[in-house]
Amino acid sequence: MSFDSPSNNAIFKANEEFQFPLWSDTQKTLGLTYGAAEASWQPIASRVTVILGPSGEWVLFYPSGVVSAKSLYVHAQTVLDDLALLLP
């Protein structure tokens, strides 16, 4: 989820050849709710990961600073390992 417009996300997706949808939060509603923004004036979303359970409850949260562009593959593996511990 980013604060970029759908058209900017579409260009980025095409340039990066992503095979998954990119969502826009131009009103910053989700960013404020899930900790990716501290205020509505924040120009870009902080990198956070929130894993929600089936009922919408927060199951796992990784704050900004834990998630960085340089360590995305390490972070992805951490999330998968943590989920494996939680799932039956």
N, C-alpha and C. Protein backbone atom coordinates (compact mmCIF):
# COMPACT_ATOMS: atom_id res chain seq x y z
N MET A 1 0.85 -1.16 0.00
CA MET A 1 0.00 0.00 0.00
C MET A 1 0.90 1.23 0.00
N SER A 2 0.62 2.14 -0.85
CA SER A 2 1.39 3.39 -0.87
C SER A 2 0.43 4.57 -0.96
N PHE A 3 0.97 5.74 -0.76
CA PHE A 3 0.17 6.97 -0.88
C PHE A 3 0.16 7.48 -2.32
N ASP A 4 0.82 6.77 -3.22
CA ASP A 4 0.85 7.17 -4.62
C ASP A 4 -0.50 6.94 -5.28
N SER A 5 -0.74 7.66 -6.35
CA SER A 5 -1.99 7.51 -7.09
C SER A 5 -2.03 6.15 -7.79
N PRO A 6 -3.23 5.68 -8.11
CA PRO A 6 -3.34 4.43 -8.86
C PRO A 6 -2.55 4.46 -10.18
N SER A 7 -2.55 5.59 -10.87
CA SER A 7 -1.82 5.66 -12.14
C SER A 7 -0.31 5.58 -11.92
N ASN A 8 0.20 6.22 -10.88
CA ASN A 8 1.63 6.11 -10.58
C ASN A 8 1.99 4.69 -10.16
N ASN A 9 1.12 4.05 -9.38
CA ASN A 9 1.37 2.66 -8.98
C ASN A 9 1.37 1.74 -10.19
N ALA A 10 0.49 2.00 -11.15
CA ALA A 10 0.43 1.17 -12.37
C ALA A 10 1.74 1.29 -13.16
N ILE A 11 2.28 2.47 -13.25
CA ILE A 11 3.55 2.68 -13.95
C ILE A 11 4.67 1.95 -13.22
N PHE A 12 4.72 2.12 -11.90
CA PHE A 12 5.74 1.45 -11.09
C PHE A 12 5.64 -0.06 -11.23
N LYS A 13 4.42 -0.58 -11.17
CA LYS A 13 4.19 -2.02 -11.30
C LYS A 13 4.69 -2.53 -12.65
N ALA A 14 4.39 -1.81 -13.71
CA ALA A 14 4.82 -2.20 -15.04
C ALA A 14 6.35 -2.15 -15.15
N ASN A 15 6.95 -1.09 -14.64
CA ASN A 15 8.41 -0.95 -14.70
C ASN A 15 9.12 -2.05 -13.93
N GLU A 16 8.56 -2.46 -12.82
CA GLU A 16 9.18 -3.48 -11.97
C GLU A 16 8.73 -4.90 -12.33
N GLU A 17 7.77 -4.99 -13.25
CA GLU A 17 7.23 -6.27 -13.71
C GLU A 17 6.63 -7.09 -12.56
N PHE A 18 5.97 -6.41 -11.63
CA PHE A 18 5.32 -7.09 -10.53
C PHE A 18 4.12 -7.88 -11.06
N GLN A 19 3.88 -9.05 -10.48
CA GLN A 19 2.77 -9.91 -10.89
C GLN A 19 1.61 -9.84 -9.89
N PHE A 20 1.61 -8.85 -9.03
CA PHE A 20 0.58 -8.70 -8.00
C PHE A 20 0.08 -7.26 -8.01
N PRO A 21 -1.12 -7.04 -7.49
CA PRO A 21 -1.67 -5.68 -7.50
C PRO A 21 -0.96 -4.77 -6.50
N LEU A 22 -0.88 -3.51 -6.84
CA LEU A 22 -0.39 -2.48 -5.91
C LEU A 22 -1.57 -1.60 -5.57
N TRP A 23 -1.78 -1.39 -4.31
CA TRP A 23 -2.93 -0.62 -3.86
C TRP A 23 -2.52 0.79 -3.46
N SER A 24 -3.42 1.73 -3.69
CA SER A 24 -3.19 3.13 -3.35
C SER A 24 -4.04 3.53 -2.15
N ASP A 25 -3.43 4.28 -1.27
CA ASP A 25 -4.11 4.84 -0.09
C ASP A 25 -3.92 6.35 -0.13
N THR A 26 -4.49 6.98 -1.16
CA THR A 26 -4.25 8.41 -1.37
C THR A 26 -4.84 9.28 -0.25
N GLN A 27 -5.86 8.77 0.44
CA GLN A 27 -6.43 9.52 1.56
C GLN A 27 -5.69 9.23 2.87
N LYS A 28 -4.77 8.27 2.83
CA LYS A 28 -3.92 7.88 3.96
C LYS A 28 -4.71 7.27 5.12
N THR A 29 -5.90 6.80 4.83
CA THR A 29 -6.76 6.20 5.85
C THR A 29 -6.12 4.95 6.46
N LEU A 30 -5.71 4.03 5.61
CA LEU A 30 -5.08 2.81 6.11
C LEU A 30 -3.71 3.10 6.71
N GLY A 31 -2.98 4.00 6.11
CA GLY A 31 -1.67 4.37 6.65
C GLY A 31 -1.76 4.88 8.07
N LEU A 32 -2.74 5.71 8.34
CA LEU A 32 -2.93 6.23 9.70
C LEU A 32 -3.43 5.14 10.65
N THR A 33 -4.31 4.29 10.16
CA THR A 33 -4.89 3.22 11.00
C THR A 33 -3.85 2.18 11.37
N TYR A 34 -2.99 1.83 10.42
CA TYR A 34 -2.06 0.72 10.63
C TYR A 34 -0.62 1.14 10.92
N GLY A 35 -0.41 2.40 11.20
CA GLY A 35 0.91 2.83 11.64
C GLY A 35 1.93 3.14 10.57
N ALA A 36 1.50 3.29 9.33
CA ALA A 36 2.43 3.65 8.26
C ALA A 36 2.55 5.16 8.12
N ALA A 37 1.74 5.89 8.88
CA ALA A 37 1.82 7.36 8.90
C ALA A 37 1.44 7.84 10.30
N GLU A 38 2.12 8.87 10.73
CA GLU A 38 1.82 9.47 12.03
C GLU A 38 0.86 10.64 11.91
N ALA A 39 0.80 11.22 10.70
CA ALA A 39 -0.08 12.37 10.46
C ALA A 39 -0.46 12.40 8.99
N SER A 40 -1.59 13.02 8.68
CA SER A 40 -2.09 13.04 7.31
C SER A 40 -1.21 13.86 6.37
N TRP A 41 -0.36 14.72 6.91
CA TRP A 41 0.53 15.52 6.07
C TRP A 41 1.78 14.75 5.64
N GLN A 42 1.99 13.56 6.20
CA GLN A 42 3.17 12.77 5.87
C GLN A 42 3.14 12.43 4.38
N PRO A 43 4.18 12.80 3.62
CA PRO A 43 4.13 12.64 2.17
C PRO A 43 4.25 11.20 1.67
N ILE A 44 5.00 10.36 2.37
CA ILE A 44 5.14 8.96 1.95
C ILE A 44 4.90 8.06 3.16
N ALA A 45 4.45 6.85 2.87
CA ALA A 45 4.18 5.89 3.94
C ALA A 45 5.48 5.33 4.49
N SER A 46 5.51 5.10 5.78
CA SER A 46 6.63 4.39 6.39
C SER A 46 6.49 2.92 6.04
N ARG A 47 7.60 2.23 6.00
CA ARG A 47 7.55 0.79 5.71
C ARG A 47 7.20 0.05 6.99
N VAL A 48 6.01 -0.49 7.02
CA VAL A 48 5.56 -1.33 8.13
C VAL A 48 4.88 -2.55 7.53
N THR A 49 4.81 -3.61 8.33
CA THR A 49 4.07 -4.80 7.91
C THR A 49 3.07 -5.11 9.00
N VAL A 50 1.82 -5.28 8.61
CA VAL A 50 0.75 -5.66 9.54
C VAL A 50 0.10 -6.93 8.99
N ILE A 51 0.06 -7.96 9.81
CA ILE A 51 -0.61 -9.20 9.44
C ILE A 51 -1.90 -9.26 10.23
N LEU A 52 -3.02 -9.38 9.52
CA LEU A 52 -4.33 -9.44 10.15
C LEU A 52 -4.84 -10.87 10.18
N GLY A 53 -5.55 -11.20 11.25
CA GLY A 53 -6.18 -12.51 11.36
C GLY A 53 -7.49 -12.55 10.62
N PRO A 54 -8.16 -13.69 10.62
CA PRO A 54 -9.41 -13.87 9.89
C PRO A 54 -10.51 -12.88 10.29
N SER A 55 -10.49 -12.45 11.54
CA SER A 55 -11.52 -11.52 12.01
C SER A 55 -11.08 -10.06 11.93
N GLY A 56 -9.93 -9.81 11.31
CA GLY A 56 -9.44 -8.45 11.16
C GLY A 56 -8.58 -7.97 12.31
N GLU A 57 -8.31 -8.85 13.27
CA GLU A 57 -7.48 -8.44 14.41
C GLU A 57 -6.00 -8.46 14.03
N TRP A 58 -5.22 -7.60 14.68
CA TRP A 58 -3.79 -7.56 14.43
C TRP A 58 -3.17 -8.82 15.01
N VAL A 59 -2.43 -9.55 14.19
CA VAL A 59 -1.76 -10.76 14.64
C VAL A 59 -0.26 -10.49 14.79
N LEU A 60 0.31 -9.83 13.81
CA LEU A 60 1.73 -9.48 13.84
C LEU A 60 1.89 -8.05 13.35
N PHE A 61 2.86 -7.35 13.94
CA PHE A 61 3.16 -5.98 13.51
C PHE A 61 4.66 -5.80 13.51
N TYR A 62 5.18 -5.33 12.41
CA TYR A 62 6.59 -5.02 12.28
C TYR A 62 6.70 -3.54 11.99
N PRO A 63 7.22 -2.74 12.92
CA PRO A 63 7.24 -1.29 12.76
C PRO A 63 8.31 -0.80 11.79
N SER A 64 8.20 0.46 11.44
CA SER A 64 9.21 1.11 10.62
C SER A 64 10.56 0.97 11.33
N GLY A 65 11.59 0.73 10.58
CA GLY A 65 12.90 0.47 11.17
C GLY A 65 13.22 -1.01 11.14
N VAL A 66 12.22 -1.84 11.34
CA VAL A 66 12.40 -3.29 11.20
C VAL A 66 12.30 -3.66 9.72
N VAL A 67 11.45 -2.94 9.01
CA VAL A 67 11.24 -3.17 7.59
C VAL A 67 12.00 -2.11 6.82
N SER A 68 12.93 -2.52 5.99
CA SER A 68 13.66 -1.55 5.18
C SER A 68 13.83 -2.11 3.77
N ALA A 69 14.04 -1.22 2.83
CA ALA A 69 14.20 -1.64 1.43
C ALA A 69 15.42 -2.54 1.27
N LYS A 70 16.45 -2.33 2.08
CA LYS A 70 17.68 -3.11 1.95
C LYS A 70 17.51 -4.53 2.47
N SER A 71 16.54 -4.74 3.33
CA SER A 71 16.41 -6.06 3.94
C SER A 71 15.05 -6.71 3.67
N LEU A 72 14.43 -6.38 2.55
CA LEU A 72 13.09 -6.89 2.27
C LEU A 72 13.04 -8.41 2.20
N TYR A 73 14.04 -9.04 1.62
CA TYR A 73 14.02 -10.51 1.53
C TYR A 73 14.20 -11.14 2.90
N VAL A 74 15.05 -10.56 3.73
CA VAL A 74 15.23 -11.05 5.09
C VAL A 74 13.93 -10.86 5.87
N HIS A 75 13.31 -9.70 5.71
CA HIS A 75 12.05 -9.42 6.40
C HIS A 75 10.96 -10.39 5.95
N ALA A 76 10.87 -10.63 4.66
CA ALA A 76 9.85 -11.55 4.15
C ALA A 76 10.02 -12.92 4.77
N GLN A 77 11.25 -13.39 4.89
CA GLN A 77 11.49 -14.70 5.49
C GLN A 77 11.14 -14.70 6.97
N THR A 78 11.42 -13.60 7.66
CA THR A 78 11.06 -13.48 9.08
C THR A 78 9.55 -13.58 9.25
N VAL A 79 8.80 -12.88 8.41
CA VAL A 79 7.33 -12.93 8.47
C VAL A 79 6.84 -14.35 8.22
N LEU A 80 7.38 -15.00 7.20
CA LEU A 80 6.97 -16.37 6.91
C LEU A 80 7.29 -17.32 8.07
N ASP A 81 8.46 -17.15 8.68
CA ASP A 81 8.83 -17.99 9.82
C ASP A 81 7.91 -17.74 11.01
N ASP A 82 7.59 -16.46 11.26
CA ASP A 82 6.68 -16.13 12.37
C ASP A 82 5.28 -16.69 12.13
N LEU A 83 4.80 -16.60 10.90
CA LEU A 83 3.49 -17.14 10.56
C LEU A 83 3.45 -18.66 10.73
N ALA A 84 4.55 -19.32 10.38
CA ALA A 84 4.61 -20.78 10.53
C ALA A 84 4.46 -21.18 11.99
N LEU A 85 4.96 -20.35 12.90
CA LEU A 85 4.81 -20.64 14.33
C LEU A 85 3.37 -20.43 14.80
N LEU A 86 2.67 -19.51 14.16
CA LEU A 86 1.29 -19.18 14.58
C LEU A 86 0.24 -20.09 13.98
N LEU A 87 0.51 -20.59 12.78
CA LEU A 87 -0.50 -21.38 12.07
C LEU A 87 -0.39 -22.85 12.49
N PRO A 88 -1.55 -23.49 12.61
CA PRO A 88 -1.52 -24.92 13.01
C PRO A 88 -0.97 -25.80 11.91
